């Protein structure tokens, strides 16, 4: 924190110059930045200099100190105001109190009295700055891995199940500002070679992207799938496309720097109503499914795909590129796709084949290949093949091209459902391992989602998704609840000082511990120990 800037407004030049010259400003952490003989002349200077402290006489020509204080307190609410007055009338003091003036000093002002007032003001500014810093830190910790309630809100938002009025009401509860002229959605997913094993590279890239987007108020980040995120972009009409391109470029630059990562981005079409977001999301999700068809590409837009289809004439069997029926596309989708993407994948997979789907021989091949490759993936995951075979539709030798998409969807969807059921059983064990590690190490000030993920050898992204899905709260929320529960116990059952308790529950800074305690429990640690408010965090 730099020097605290001070501005003086006083119509008596002897008093004004005396204050300016008799205080060793730098010695006490202040910087004198200017003065004026009345409020009218002071106001434009104050607007330009933005002082931290205003010292003003109460009785001046043109604009008095109370009028000036009223304007300054409205325009610069963080500026501290010290009123000087030669009048002891209570009415002036009462008005000053209404204006949230910090100190009211009677003339004549001694050097010692002014220094004492300044030091008190400096301590107040420092305490407020510290609290603001704590608040920024607290909000950053909780935003980094989204609150479960934010994810639930986003899911309802893109489902189209909430009236617009309810959207605004729910957003206000979550402190989300949705006011804008236009909106767009960018979906992105990134993973290492293994979706589940811990990867330092993937964890670093993900964390840098999340931290980066959280710094932009026009980007609202949500988790929208197990390993996917949605970036809701809000802006005025003129800047919306530029903001969208900027977000894609941020992802591209960060992910391209790490060749070991698999990543994809899908861009929706702008909408100028909140009620248009479900369509925008459905479109972006559909486009994102193309990452399974064109794994060598990373960025997908509706315009790009439209051009591709227009430029690709219907193919016959002889001209069909073998890469378009590569069985690894099916296996890759069964391994990494989502149930929601199944129909879109089937449609795009077949559209990519063009007119070749009218070949009976190719249709027979696709029916056999899709089922065989789905079974190969399920077998590698230890899934029960008999259960899978009971769920898939029977093959039809006379199946027409029009019915191929439904058949392909019917083969792939149960494979993904069985894969997810197996993963859920495994994920229960993963979350239990994470909970055990947190229970044993929550007092470690270095514990984080990444350190827990590394300890149990699981992807940080995967653990974050599984943890919030299983526990109904994010990792950071659970860790904080765990620490606060132990802190409450120590406050009531021991005589340990607050600083000792802070260290014992994982906070290196006792003051930040007190801030978090009050934020989550509704009272200070001292008040809680004395029998104050009790509220579960």
Protein backbone atom coordinates (compact mmCIF):
# COMPACT_ATOMS: atom_id res chain seq x y z
CA UNK A 1 0.00 0.00 0.00
CA UNK A 2 1.40 3.42 -1.00
CA UNK A 3 1.14 6.71 0.89
CA UNK A 4 -2.36 7.81 1.87
CA UNK A 5 -3.33 10.89 -0.16
CA UNK A 6 -4.65 13.91 1.77
CA UNK A 7 -6.51 16.98 0.46
CA UNK A 8 -7.34 20.07 2.57
CA UNK A 9 -10.25 22.50 2.03
CA UNK A 10 -10.14 25.55 4.31
CA UNK A 11 -11.07 29.19 3.60
CA UNK A 12 -8.69 30.63 6.20
CA UNK A 13 -5.31 30.66 4.46
CA UNK A 14 -3.38 30.80 7.76
CA UNK A 15 -5.12 27.62 8.99
CA UNK A 16 -4.87 25.89 5.60
CA UNK A 17 -1.16 26.65 5.15
CA UNK A 18 -0.48 25.90 8.80
CA UNK A 19 -1.98 22.42 8.46
CA UNK A 20 -0.15 21.84 5.20
CA UNK A 21 3.23 22.85 6.62
CA UNK A 22 3.17 21.70 10.24
CA UNK A 23 2.40 18.00 9.61
CA UNK A 24 5.35 15.76 8.58
CA UNK A 25 3.07 13.85 6.20
CA UNK A 26 5.53 11.23 4.94
CA UNK A 27 6.61 10.37 8.47
CA UNK A 28 3.10 9.14 9.24
CA UNK A 29 2.46 7.40 5.91
CA UNK A 30 0.61 10.26 4.17
CA UNK A 31 1.14 12.30 1.02
CA UNK A 32 -0.23 15.85 0.82
CA UNK A 33 -1.72 16.21 -2.70
CA UNK A 34 -3.49 19.57 -2.74
CA UNK A 35 -5.70 22.22 -1.13
CA UNK A 36 -8.44 24.72 -1.95
CA UNK A 37 -10.12 27.69 -0.20
CA UNK A 38 -13.71 26.46 -0.62
CA UNK A 39 -15.80 23.48 -1.68
CA UNK A 40 -16.58 24.82 -5.14
CA UNK A 41 -12.89 25.06 -6.05
CA UNK A 42 -12.05 21.84 -4.22
CA UNK A 43 -14.54 19.56 -5.95
CA UNK A 44 -12.95 19.38 -9.45
CA UNK A 45 -9.52 18.87 -7.84
CA UNK A 46 -10.88 16.10 -5.63
CA UNK A 47 -12.44 14.39 -8.66
CA UNK A 48 -9.08 14.51 -10.41
CA UNK A 49 -6.79 13.60 -7.50
CA UNK A 50 -9.12 11.11 -5.74
CA UNK A 51 -7.65 11.61 -2.25
CA UNK A 52 -8.00 8.96 0.44
CA UNK A 53 -8.60 11.60 3.14
CA UNK A 54 -10.41 14.94 2.88
CA UNK A 55 -9.86 17.48 5.66
CA UNK A 56 -12.43 20.26 5.33
CA UNK A 57 -13.66 23.25 7.25
CA UNK A 58 -17.38 23.16 7.92
CA UNK A 59 -18.11 26.85 7.30
CA UNK A 60 -16.87 28.23 3.94
CA UNK A 61 -18.19 30.55 1.20
CA UNK A 62 -19.68 29.29 -2.10
CA UNK A 63 -19.88 25.64 -0.96
CA UNK A 64 -19.53 24.72 2.70
CA UNK A 65 -17.90 21.64 4.16
CA UNK A 66 -21.12 19.72 4.75
CA UNK A 67 -22.25 20.15 1.13
CA UNK A 68 -18.80 19.16 -0.11
CA UNK A 69 -18.74 16.16 2.21
CA UNK A 70 -22.13 15.03 0.96
CA UNK A 71 -20.96 15.04 -2.69
CA UNK A 72 -17.62 13.37 -1.90
CA UNK A 73 -19.23 10.63 0.22
CA UNK A 74 -21.59 9.81 -2.66
CA UNK A 75 -18.98 9.87 -5.43
CA UNK A 76 -16.05 8.45 -3.44
CA UNK A 77 -17.51 6.39 -0.59
CA UNK A 78 -14.09 5.09 0.45
CA UNK A 79 -12.70 8.60 1.05
CA UNK A 80 -12.37 9.39 4.77
CA UNK A 81 -13.61 12.84 5.81
CA UNK A 82 -12.33 14.87 8.76
CA UNK A 83 -14.47 17.93 9.55
CA UNK A 84 -12.92 21.00 11.17
CA UNK A 85 -15.26 23.41 12.91
CA UNK A 86 -15.07 26.52 15.04
CA UNK A 87 -18.60 25.85 16.13
CA UNK A 88 -19.55 23.47 18.91
CA UNK A 89 -23.23 23.48 17.97
CA UNK A 90 -24.56 19.92 18.03
CA UNK A 91 -26.55 20.43 14.82
CA UNK A 92 -23.32 20.52 12.77
CA UNK A 93 -22.06 17.35 14.44
CA UNK A 94 -25.42 15.65 13.84
CA UNK A 95 -25.35 16.47 10.13
CA UNK A 96 -21.73 15.31 9.91
CA UNK A 97 -22.68 11.97 11.47
CA UNK A 98 -25.46 11.53 8.88
CA UNK A 99 -22.86 12.01 6.14
CA UNK A 100 -20.66 9.25 7.64
CA UNK A 101 -17.91 11.76 8.41
CA UNK A 102 -15.11 9.90 10.17
CA UNK A 103 -13.98 12.58 12.62
CA UNK A 104 -15.31 15.96 13.82
CA UNK A 105 -12.62 18.20 15.31
CA UNK A 106 -13.14 21.59 16.99
CA UNK A 107 -10.86 24.52 16.24
CA UNK A 108 -8.27 25.55 17.13
CA UNK A 109 -6.57 22.35 16.02
CA UNK A 110 -3.25 21.49 17.64
CA UNK A 111 -0.56 19.58 15.79
CA UNK A 112 -0.84 16.70 18.26
CA UNK A 113 -4.64 16.49 17.85
CA UNK A 114 -4.39 16.48 14.06
CA UNK A 115 -1.67 13.81 14.06
CA UNK A 116 -3.77 11.67 16.40
CA UNK A 117 -6.80 12.04 14.10
CA UNK A 118 -4.72 11.20 11.05
CA UNK A 119 -3.23 8.11 12.68
CA UNK A 120 -6.69 6.89 13.64
CA UNK A 121 -7.84 7.45 10.07
CA UNK A 122 -4.78 5.65 8.68
CA UNK A 123 -5.44 2.61 10.89
CA UNK A 124 -9.05 2.54 9.71
CA UNK A 125 -8.00 2.71 6.04
CA UNK A 126 -5.44 -0.07 6.56
CA UNK A 127 -8.00 -2.27 8.31
CA UNK A 128 -10.52 -1.71 5.52
CA UNK A 129 -7.89 -2.45 2.86
CA UNK A 130 -7.00 -5.64 4.69
CA UNK A 131 -10.64 -6.68 4.80
CA UNK A 132 -11.03 -5.95 1.09
CA UNK A 133 -7.96 -8.06 0.40
CA UNK A 134 -9.39 -10.88 2.49
CA UNK A 135 -12.69 -10.62 0.62
CA UNK A 136 -10.95 -10.80 -2.77
CA UNK A 137 -8.96 -13.82 -1.61
CA UNK A 138 -12.05 -15.52 -0.21
CA UNK A 139 -14.09 -14.93 -3.36
CA UNK A 140 -11.24 -16.12 -5.57
CA UNK A 141 -10.89 -19.35 -3.58
CA UNK A 142 -14.56 -20.11 -3.91
CA UNK A 143 -14.88 -19.07 -7.54
CA UNK A 144 -11.96 -21.15 -8.76
CA UNK A 145 -13.91 -24.36 -8.39
CA UNK A 146 -17.51 -23.45 -8.95
CA UNK A 147 -20.15 -23.63 -6.29
CA UNK A 148 -22.58 -26.47 -6.84
CA UNK A 149 -25.47 -23.98 -6.82
CA UNK A 150 -23.96 -22.09 -9.79
CA UNK A 151 -23.80 -25.29 -11.82
CA UNK A 152 -27.41 -26.15 -10.98
CA UNK A 153 -28.47 -22.64 -12.00
CA UNK A 154 -26.63 -22.88 -15.31
CA UNK A 155 -28.18 -26.26 -16.09
CA UNK A 156 -31.66 -24.82 -15.56
CA UNK A 157 -30.74 -21.73 -17.56
CA UNK A 158 -29.77 -23.69 -20.69
CA UNK A 159 -32.59 -26.20 -20.31
CA UNK A 160 -35.06 -23.36 -20.78
CA UNK A 161 -36.98 -24.46 -17.69
CA UNK A 162 -36.94 -21.03 -15.96
CA UNK A 163 -38.99 -17.95 -16.89
CA UNK A 164 -36.85 -14.87 -17.54
CA UNK A 165 -38.01 -13.17 -14.33
CA UNK A 166 -36.96 -16.22 -12.30
CA UNK A 167 -33.58 -16.26 -14.08
CA UNK A 168 -32.87 -12.73 -12.87
CA UNK A 169 -34.06 -13.53 -9.34
CA UNK A 170 -31.88 -16.65 -9.09
CA UNK A 171 -28.90 -14.83 -10.61
CA UNK A 172 -29.22 -12.06 -8.01
CA UNK A 173 -29.12 -14.63 -5.20
CA UNK A 174 -25.89 -16.02 -6.66
CA UNK A 175 -24.45 -12.51 -7.19
CA UNK A 176 -24.36 -13.01 -10.96
CA UNK A 177 -24.85 -9.97 -13.17
CA UNK A 178 -26.64 -11.07 -16.35
CA UNK A 179 -27.56 -7.63 -17.70
CA UNK A 180 -26.27 -7.23 -21.26
CA UNK A 181 -27.37 -6.43 -24.82
CA UNK A 182 -26.24 -9.80 -26.14
CA UNK A 183 -24.97 -13.23 -25.13
CA UNK A 184 -23.02 -16.15 -26.55
CA UNK A 185 -21.73 -19.46 -25.26
CA UNK A 186 -18.32 -21.01 -25.77
CA UNK A 187 -17.96 -24.62 -24.64
CA UNK A 188 -14.52 -26.11 -24.09
CA UNK A 189 -13.03 -29.35 -22.86
CA UNK A 190 -9.45 -30.35 -22.20
CA UNK A 191 -7.84 -33.51 -20.94
CA UNK A 192 -4.50 -35.25 -20.78
CA UNK A 193 -3.76 -38.65 -22.32
CA UNK A 194 -5.65 -40.16 -19.38
CA UNK A 195 -8.91 -38.63 -18.23
CA UNK A 196 -8.47 -40.02 -14.77
CA UNK A 197 -4.79 -40.10 -13.80
CA UNK A 198 -3.26 -36.97 -12.31
CA UNK A 199 -1.50 -34.70 -14.82
CA UNK A 200 0.47 -31.69 -13.63
CA UNK A 201 0.25 -30.15 -17.10
CA UNK A 202 -3.53 -30.50 -17.39
CA UNK A 203 -3.99 -29.16 -13.85
CA UNK A 204 -1.84 -26.10 -14.55
CA UNK A 205 -3.56 -25.30 -17.85
CA UNK A 206 -7.01 -25.70 -16.35
CA UNK A 207 -6.17 -23.55 -13.34
CA UNK A 208 -4.63 -20.81 -15.48
CA UNK A 209 -7.70 -20.74 -17.75
CA UNK A 210 -10.14 -20.62 -14.84
CA UNK A 211 -8.16 -17.90 -13.06
CA UNK A 212 -7.86 -15.96 -16.30
CA UNK A 213 -11.56 -15.99 -17.12
CA UNK A 214 -12.53 -15.11 -13.55
CA UNK A 215 -10.73 -11.79 -14.00
CA UNK A 216 -13.13 -10.73 -16.75
CA UNK A 217 -16.57 -9.59 -15.48
CA UNK A 218 -18.09 -10.20 -18.94
CA UNK A 219 -17.13 -13.90 -18.82
CA UNK A 220 -19.20 -16.16 -16.55
CA UNK A 221 -17.71 -19.61 -16.17
CA UNK A 222 -19.72 -22.75 -15.38
CA UNK A 223 -19.03 -26.44 -15.42
CA UNK A 224 -21.38 -28.05 -17.95
CA UNK A 225 -20.27 -31.66 -17.94
CA UNK A 226 -17.86 -34.05 -16.34
CA UNK A 227 -14.83 -32.61 -18.11
CA UNK A 228 -16.32 -29.60 -19.92
CA UNK A 229 -16.86 -25.92 -19.16
CA UNK A 230 -19.22 -23.32 -20.56
CA UNK A 231 -18.23 -19.69 -20.86
CA UNK A 232 -21.25 -17.39 -20.92
CA UNK A 233 -20.19 -14.19 -22.67
CA UNK A 234 -22.26 -11.06 -22.11
CA UNK A 235 -21.59 -7.79 -23.88
CA UNK A 236 -23.08 -5.03 -25.99
CA UNK A 237 -23.96 -5.95 -29.57
CA UNK A 238 -20.96 -4.25 -31.15
CA UNK A 239 -18.39 -6.01 -28.96
CA UNK A 240 -20.00 -9.45 -28.66
CA UNK A 241 -18.22 -11.09 -31.60
CA UNK A 242 -14.88 -9.61 -30.55
CA UNK A 243 -15.38 -10.86 -26.98
CA UNK A 244 -16.24 -14.32 -28.28
CA UNK A 245 -13.15 -14.43 -30.48
CA UNK A 246 -11.04 -13.22 -27.58
CA UNK A 247 -12.22 -16.05 -25.33
CA UNK A 248 -11.47 -18.65 -28.01
CA UNK A 249 -8.03 -17.16 -28.55
CA UNK A 250 -7.25 -17.33 -24.81
CA UNK A 251 -8.10 -21.04 -24.79
CA UNK A 252 -6.23 -21.73 -28.03
CA UNK A 253 -3.02 -20.01 -26.95
CA UNK A 254 -2.94 -21.73 -23.57
CA UNK A 255 -3.76 -25.22 -24.86
CA UNK A 256 -1.56 -25.11 -27.96
CA UNK A 257 1.41 -24.44 -25.70
CA UNK A 258 0.95 -27.97 -24.28
CA UNK A 259 0.98 -30.54 -27.13
CA UNK A 260 0.22 -33.41 -24.74
CA UNK A 261 -3.32 -32.09 -24.16
CA UNK A 262 -6.44 -33.02 -26.08
CA UNK A 263 -8.75 -30.04 -26.29
CA UNK A 264 -11.72 -28.68 -28.21
CA UNK A 265 -13.74 -25.47 -28.32
CA UNK A 266 -17.26 -24.98 -29.71
CA UNK A 267 -18.79 -21.57 -30.37
CA UNK A 268 -22.52 -20.90 -30.33
CA UNK A 269 -24.46 -18.30 -32.32
CA UNK A 270 -25.04 -14.95 -30.55
CA UNK A 271 -28.44 -14.30 -29.02
CA UNK A 272 -29.87 -11.04 -27.79
CA UNK A 273 -32.29 -12.49 -25.27
CA UNK A 274 -31.68 -14.61 -22.18
CA UNK A 275 -34.50 -16.82 -23.40
CA UNK A 276 -32.34 -17.59 -26.47
CA UNK A 277 -29.58 -19.25 -24.43
CA UNK A 278 -31.10 -22.78 -24.51
CA UNK A 279 -30.99 -22.73 -28.32
CA UNK A 280 -27.47 -21.29 -28.26
CA UNK A 281 -26.33 -24.03 -25.86
CA UNK A 282 -27.96 -26.83 -27.86
CA UNK A 283 -26.26 -25.57 -30.99
CA UNK A 284 -22.84 -25.28 -29.33
CA UNK A 285 -23.20 -28.76 -27.81
CA UNK A 286 -24.09 -30.16 -31.21
CA UNK A 287 -21.03 -28.51 -32.74
CA UNK A 288 -18.78 -29.76 -29.91
CA UNK A 289 -19.72 -33.35 -30.82
CA UNK A 290 -17.69 -32.87 -33.99
CA UNK A 291 -14.49 -33.25 -31.94
CA UNK A 292 -15.11 -37.01 -32.11
CA UNK A 293 -15.51 -36.90 -35.90
CA UNK A 294 -12.59 -34.57 -36.59
CA UNK A 295 -10.13 -35.25 -33.75
CA UNK A 296 -7.34 -33.38 -35.51
CA UNK A 297 -9.31 -30.11 -35.20
CA UNK A 298 -9.77 -28.08 -32.05
CA UNK A 299 -12.07 -25.13 -32.79
CA UNK A 300 -15.60 -25.69 -34.10
CA UNK A 301 -18.18 -23.14 -35.21
CA UNK A 302 -21.49 -23.52 -37.01
CA UNK A 303 -20.22 -21.38 -39.88
CA UNK A 304 -17.12 -23.53 -40.35
CA UNK A 305 -19.11 -26.75 -40.43
CA UNK A 306 -21.73 -25.27 -42.76
CA UNK A 307 -19.01 -24.39 -45.27
CA UNK A 308 -17.55 -27.88 -44.97
CA UNK A 309 -20.88 -29.55 -45.75
CA UNK A 310 -21.62 -27.21 -48.65
CA UNK A 311 -18.22 -27.91 -50.15
CA UNK A 312 -18.49 -31.69 -49.80
CA UNK A 313 -20.59 -33.21 -52.60
CA UNK A 314 -22.48 -36.40 -51.91
CA UNK A 315 -19.94 -39.17 -52.08
CA UNK A 316 -20.42 -42.63 -53.44
CA UNK A 317 -18.77 -45.72 -52.00
CA UNK A 318 -15.81 -45.65 -54.40
CA UNK A 319 -14.85 -42.07 -53.51
CA UNK A 320 -15.33 -42.49 -49.75
CA UNK A 321 -12.24 -41.69 -47.69
CA UNK A 322 -11.38 -44.62 -45.42
CA UNK A 323 -10.53 -42.27 -42.58
CA UNK A 324 -14.20 -41.29 -42.35
CA UNK A 325 -15.18 -44.82 -41.30
CA UNK A 326 -12.15 -45.33 -39.06
CA UNK A 327 -13.38 -47.56 -36.16
CA UNK A 328 -11.27 -45.53 -33.71
CA UNK A 329 -13.84 -42.73 -34.11
CA UNK A 330 -16.50 -45.00 -32.60
CA UNK A 331 -14.16 -46.24 -29.89
CA UNK A 332 -13.06 -42.70 -29.09
CA UNK A 333 -16.65 -41.57 -28.71
CA UNK A 334 -17.57 -44.49 -26.43
CA UNK A 335 -14.53 -43.66 -24.30
CA UNK A 336 -14.89 -39.88 -24.12
CA UNK A 337 -18.32 -38.81 -25.38
CA UNK A 338 -21.38 -38.00 -23.30
CA UNK A 339 -24.86 -39.50 -23.41
CA UNK A 340 -26.27 -36.09 -24.36
CA UNK A 341 -23.98 -35.96 -27.41
CA UNK A 342 -24.95 -39.38 -28.77
CA UNK A 343 -27.62 -38.33 -31.25
CA UNK A 344 -25.54 -35.39 -32.51
CA UNK A 345 -22.49 -37.64 -32.94
CA UNK A 346 -24.49 -40.24 -34.86
CA UNK A 347 -25.94 -37.58 -37.15
CA UNK A 348 -22.60 -35.90 -37.85
CA UNK A 349 -20.80 -39.23 -38.29
CA UNK A 350 -23.26 -40.27 -40.99
CA UNK A 351 -23.41 -36.84 -42.63
CA UNK A 352 -19.65 -36.98 -42.89
CA UNK A 353 -20.02 -40.09 -45.07
CA UNK A 354 -22.17 -38.25 -47.62
CA UNK A 355 -24.04 -40.32 -50.18
CA UNK A 356 -22.05 -43.46 -49.32
CA UNK A 357 -24.63 -44.34 -46.64
CA UNK A 358 -26.96 -45.41 -49.45
CA UNK A 359 -24.70 -48.43 -49.99
CA UNK A 360 -26.26 -51.54 -48.41
CA UNK A 361 -22.78 -53.01 -47.91
CA UNK A 362 -21.57 -49.92 -46.03
CA UNK A 363 -24.68 -49.87 -43.83
CA UNK A 364 -24.11 -53.51 -42.87
CA UNK A 365 -20.48 -52.75 -42.11
CA UNK A 366 -21.41 -49.76 -39.93
CA UNK A 367 -23.96 -51.75 -37.93
CA UNK A 368 -21.43 -54.47 -37.14
CA UNK A 369 -18.50 -52.10 -36.61
CA UNK A 370 -20.35 -49.79 -34.21
CA UNK A 371 -21.49 -52.63 -31.98
CA UNK A 372 -18.17 -54.48 -32.08
CA UNK A 373 -16.10 -51.41 -31.21
CA UNK A 374 -18.49 -50.38 -28.44
CA UNK A 375 -18.11 -53.87 -26.94
CA UNK A 376 -14.32 -53.67 -27.17
CA UNK A 377 -14.31 -50.47 -25.12
CA UNK A 378 -16.78 -51.83 -22.55
CA UNK A 379 -14.75 -55.01 -22.21
CA UNK A 380 -11.59 -52.99 -21.52
CA UNK A 381 -13.49 -51.16 -18.77
CA UNK A 382 -14.67 -54.39 -17.16
CA UNK A 383 -18.35 -53.85 -18.02
CA UNK A 384 -20.82 -56.71 -18.35
CA UNK A 385 -21.30 -57.37 -22.07
CA UNK A 386 -24.45 -59.45 -21.60
CA UNK A 387 -26.17 -56.44 -20.04
CA UNK A 388 -25.07 -54.30 -22.97
CA UNK A 389 -26.39 -56.82 -25.51
CA UNK A 390 -29.78 -56.81 -23.80
CA UNK A 391 -30.02 -53.01 -24.22
CA UNK A 392 -29.03 -52.59 -27.89
CA UNK A 393 -31.54 -52.91 -30.75
CA UNK A 394 -31.30 -55.96 -33.03
CA UNK A 395 -29.53 -55.49 -36.38
CA UNK A 396 -31.76 -55.24 -39.45
CA UNK A 397 -30.37 -56.51 -42.73
CA UNK A 398 -32.87 -54.42 -44.69
CA UNK A 399 -32.23 -51.25 -42.65
CA UNK A 400 -32.60 -48.17 -44.87
CA UNK A 401 -30.26 -45.17 -44.79
CA UNK A 402 -32.94 -43.07 -43.04
CA UNK A 403 -33.00 -45.45 -40.06
CA UNK A 404 -29.24 -45.75 -39.66
CA UNK A 405 -28.91 -42.75 -37.34
CA UNK A 406 -31.48 -44.18 -34.90
CA UNK A 407 -29.77 -47.57 -35.00
CA UNK A 408 -26.34 -46.04 -34.38
CA UNK A 409 -27.75 -43.98 -31.51
CA UNK A 410 -29.35 -47.12 -30.07
CA UNK A 411 -25.99 -48.92 -30.14
CA UNK A 412 -23.92 -46.08 -28.66
CA UNK A 413 -26.21 -44.71 -25.95
CA UNK A 414 -26.41 -47.89 -23.82
CA UNK A 415 -22.63 -48.27 -24.16
CA UNK A 416 -22.12 -44.81 -22.68
CA UNK A 417 -24.72 -45.46 -19.99
CA UNK A 418 -22.96 -48.66 -18.90
CA UNK A 419 -19.60 -46.90 -19.02
CA UNK A 420 -20.97 -44.14 -16.78
CA UNK A 421 -22.55 -46.62 -14.36
CA UNK A 422 -19.19 -48.36 -13.99
CA UNK A 423 -17.51 -44.98 -13.55
CA UNK A 424 -20.02 -44.00 -10.87
CA UNK A 425 -19.13 -47.08 -8.85
CA UNK A 426 -15.46 -46.27 -9.24
CA UNK A 427 -16.05 -42.59 -8.53
CA UNK A 428 -17.60 -43.40 -5.17
CA UNK A 429 -14.28 -44.92 -4.20
CA UNK A 430 -12.38 -41.91 -5.61
CA UNK A 431 -14.42 -39.43 -3.56
CA UNK A 432 -14.03 -41.57 -0.45
CA UNK A 433 -10.25 -41.57 -0.96
CA UNK A 434 -10.36 -37.79 -1.32
CA UNK A 435 -12.45 -37.40 1.83
CA UNK A 436 -10.05 -39.55 3.81
CA UNK A 437 -7.11 -37.50 2.61
CA UNK A 438 -8.89 -34.22 3.47
CA UNK A 439 -9.82 -35.52 6.93
CA UNK A 440 -6.17 -36.37 7.60
CA UNK A 441 -4.64 -33.22 6.07
CA UNK A 442 -7.13 -30.33 6.34
CA UNK A 443 -4.83 -28.62 8.88
CA UNK A 444 -2.11 -28.37 6.24
CA UNK A 445 -2.13 -24.81 4.91
CA UNK A 446 -0.88 -26.07 1.53
CA UNK A 447 -3.75 -28.48 0.88
CA UNK A 448 -5.54 -27.82 -2.40
CA UNK A 449 -7.60 -29.63 -5.00
CA UNK A 450 -4.42 -30.28 -6.96
CA UNK A 451 -2.54 -31.70 -3.98
CA UNK A 452 -5.43 -34.03 -3.13
CA UNK A 453 -5.74 -35.11 -6.77
CA UNK A 454 -2.01 -35.79 -6.93
CA UNK A 455 -2.06 -37.75 -3.67
CA UNK A 456 -4.75 -40.14 -4.93
CA UNK A 457 -3.46 -40.07 -8.55
CA UNK A 458 -6.57 -38.69 -10.19
CA UNK A 459 -7.10 -35.83 -12.65
CA UNK A 460 -7.81 -32.57 -10.80
CA UNK A 461 -10.56 -31.73 -13.29
CA UNK A 462 -12.13 -35.17 -12.89
CA UNK A 463 -11.91 -35.02 -9.09
CA UNK A 464 -13.50 -31.55 -9.02
CA UNK A 465 -16.45 -32.75 -11.08
CA UNK A 466 -16.90 -35.98 -9.16
CA UNK A 467 -16.54 -34.31 -5.78
CA UNK A 468 -19.21 -31.67 -6.37
CA UNK A 469 -21.53 -34.22 -7.97
CA UNK A 470 -21.19 -36.65 -5.05
CA UNK A 471 -21.05 -34.17 -2.15
CA UNK A 472 -23.31 -31.38 -3.43
CA UNK A 473 -20.61 -28.79 -2.63
CA UNK A 474 -17.30 -27.91 -4.25
CA UNK A 475 -13.95 -29.03 -2.86
CA UNK A 476 -13.20 -25.59 -1.39
CA UNK A 477 -16.62 -25.35 0.26
CA UNK A 478 -16.19 -28.79 1.85
CA UNK A 479 -12.66 -28.00 3.05
CA UNK A 480 -13.84 -24.72 4.58
CA UNK A 481 -16.78 -26.43 6.29
CA UNK A 482 -14.41 -29.05 7.71
CA UNK A 483 -12.06 -26.40 9.06
CA UNK A 484 -14.86 -24.29 10.52
CA UNK A 485 -16.41 -27.29 12.29
CA UNK A 486 -13.07 -28.03 13.97
CA UNK A 487 -12.58 -24.34 14.81
CA UNK A 488 -16.00 -24.19 16.51
CA UNK A 489 -15.12 -27.25 18.54
CA UNK A 490 -11.77 -25.79 19.67
CA UNK A 491 -13.32 -22.42 20.51
CA UNK A 492 -15.93 -23.97 22.78
CA UNK A 493 -13.90 -26.81 24.30
CA UNK A 494 -10.42 -25.29 24.77
CA UNK A 495 -8.86 -22.07 25.96
CA UNK A 496 -6.57 -21.77 22.94
CA UNK A 497 -6.10 -18.36 21.41
CA UNK A 498 -7.66 -17.58 18.04
CA UNK A 499 -4.21 -17.55 16.40
CA UNK A 500 -3.42 -21.03 17.71
CA UNK A 501 -6.76 -22.35 16.48
CA UNK A 502 -6.18 -20.76 13.06
CA UNK A 503 -2.89 -22.64 12.68
CA UNK A 504 -4.47 -25.87 13.90
CA UNK A 505 -7.19 -25.78 11.22
CA UNK A 506 -4.95 -24.79 8.30
CA UNK A 507 -4.81 -20.97 8.22
CA UNK A 508 -1.37 -19.35 8.34
CA UNK A 509 -2.86 -15.86 8.78
CA UNK A 510 -4.94 -15.57 11.98
CA UNK A 511 -6.66 -12.43 10.68
CA UNK A 512 -7.76 -14.18 7.51
CA UNK A 513 -9.03 -17.07 9.64
CA UNK A 514 -11.13 -14.60 11.65
CA UNK A 515 -12.46 -13.10 8.41
CA UNK A 516 -13.48 -16.52 7.02
CA UNK A 517 -15.00 -17.53 10.35
CA UNK A 518 -17.16 -14.42 10.49
CA UNK A 519 -18.07 -14.76 6.80
CA UNK A 520 -19.22 -18.37 7.16
CA UNK A 521 -20.45 -18.52 10.76
CA UNK A 522 -22.02 -15.09 11.12
CA UNK A 523 -19.93 -13.90 14.08
CA UNK A 524 -16.31 -13.49 15.11
CA UNK A 525 -14.42 -16.33 16.84
CA UNK A 526 -14.43 -14.27 20.04
CA UNK A 527 -18.21 -13.79 19.93
CA UNK A 528 -18.74 -17.48 19.17
CA UNK A 529 -16.64 -18.50 22.18
CA UNK A 530 -18.65 -16.12 24.34
CA UNK A 531 -21.86 -17.85 23.28
CA UNK A 532 -22.83 -15.68 20.30
CA UNK A 533 -24.52 -16.70 17.09
CA UNK A 534 -24.22 -20.32 16.08
CA UNK A 535 -24.74 -21.14 12.45
CA UNK A 536 -23.48 -24.07 10.48
CA UNK A 537 -21.07 -23.01 7.72
